[in-house]
């Protein structure tokens, strides 16, 4: 069983000239259960 799964991510978006056009910092955590239901199997 996995426990304590957390992360912090920094992202930077640049244009073709290498200039920063956007920045984002996100935090993640593992939560119990299903967030997105699995697709039914094809017959």
Protein backbone atom coordinates (compact mmCIF):
# COMPACT_ATOMS: atom_id res chain seq x y z
CA UNK A 1 0.00 0.00 0.00
CA UNK A 2 1.34 3.43 -0.98
CA UNK A 3 1.09 6.29 1.47
CA UNK A 4 2.12 9.92 1.59
CA UNK A 5 2.39 10.53 -2.16
CA UNK A 6 2.59 14.31 -2.74
CA UNK A 7 4.44 16.50 -5.20
CA UNK A 8 4.98 20.11 -6.24
CA UNK A 9 5.53 20.88 -9.91
CA UNK A 10 6.84 24.09 -11.50
CA UNK A 11 6.12 24.53 -15.20
CA UNK A 12 7.33 27.21 -17.58
CA UNK A 13 5.94 27.77 -21.09
CA UNK A 14 8.13 29.51 -23.64
CA UNK A 15 7.54 30.74 -27.19
CA UNK A 16 9.70 30.05 -30.25
CA UNK A 17 12.16 32.78 -29.18
CA UNK A 18 12.64 31.22 -25.76
CA UNK A 19 10.69 33.95 -23.96
CA UNK A 20 8.65 32.87 -20.94
CA UNK A 21 4.96 33.39 -21.70
CA UNK A 22 3.41 31.51 -18.74
CA UNK A 23 4.40 29.96 -15.43
CA UNK A 24 2.49 27.51 -13.25
CA UNK A 25 3.06 25.88 -9.87
CA UNK A 26 0.88 22.89 -9.04
CA UNK A 27 0.54 20.61 -6.07
CA UNK A 28 -0.51 16.98 -6.32
CA UNK A 29 -1.68 14.42 -3.80
CA UNK A 30 -2.72 10.81 -4.14
CA UNK A 31 -6.32 10.36 -3.05
CA UNK A 32 -8.27 7.14 -2.51
CA UNK A 33 -10.92 5.96 -4.93
CA UNK A 34 -11.46 6.41 -8.65
CA UNK A 35 -11.44 9.95 -10.02
CA UNK A 36 -12.09 9.08 -13.67
CA UNK A 37 -14.07 5.88 -14.27
CA UNK A 38 -12.36 3.32 -16.47
CA UNK A 39 -13.72 2.88 -20.00
CA UNK A 40 -15.74 -0.31 -20.54
CA UNK A 41 -13.89 -3.06 -22.38
CA UNK A 42 -14.61 -3.38 -26.10
CA UNK A 43 -16.51 -6.50 -27.09
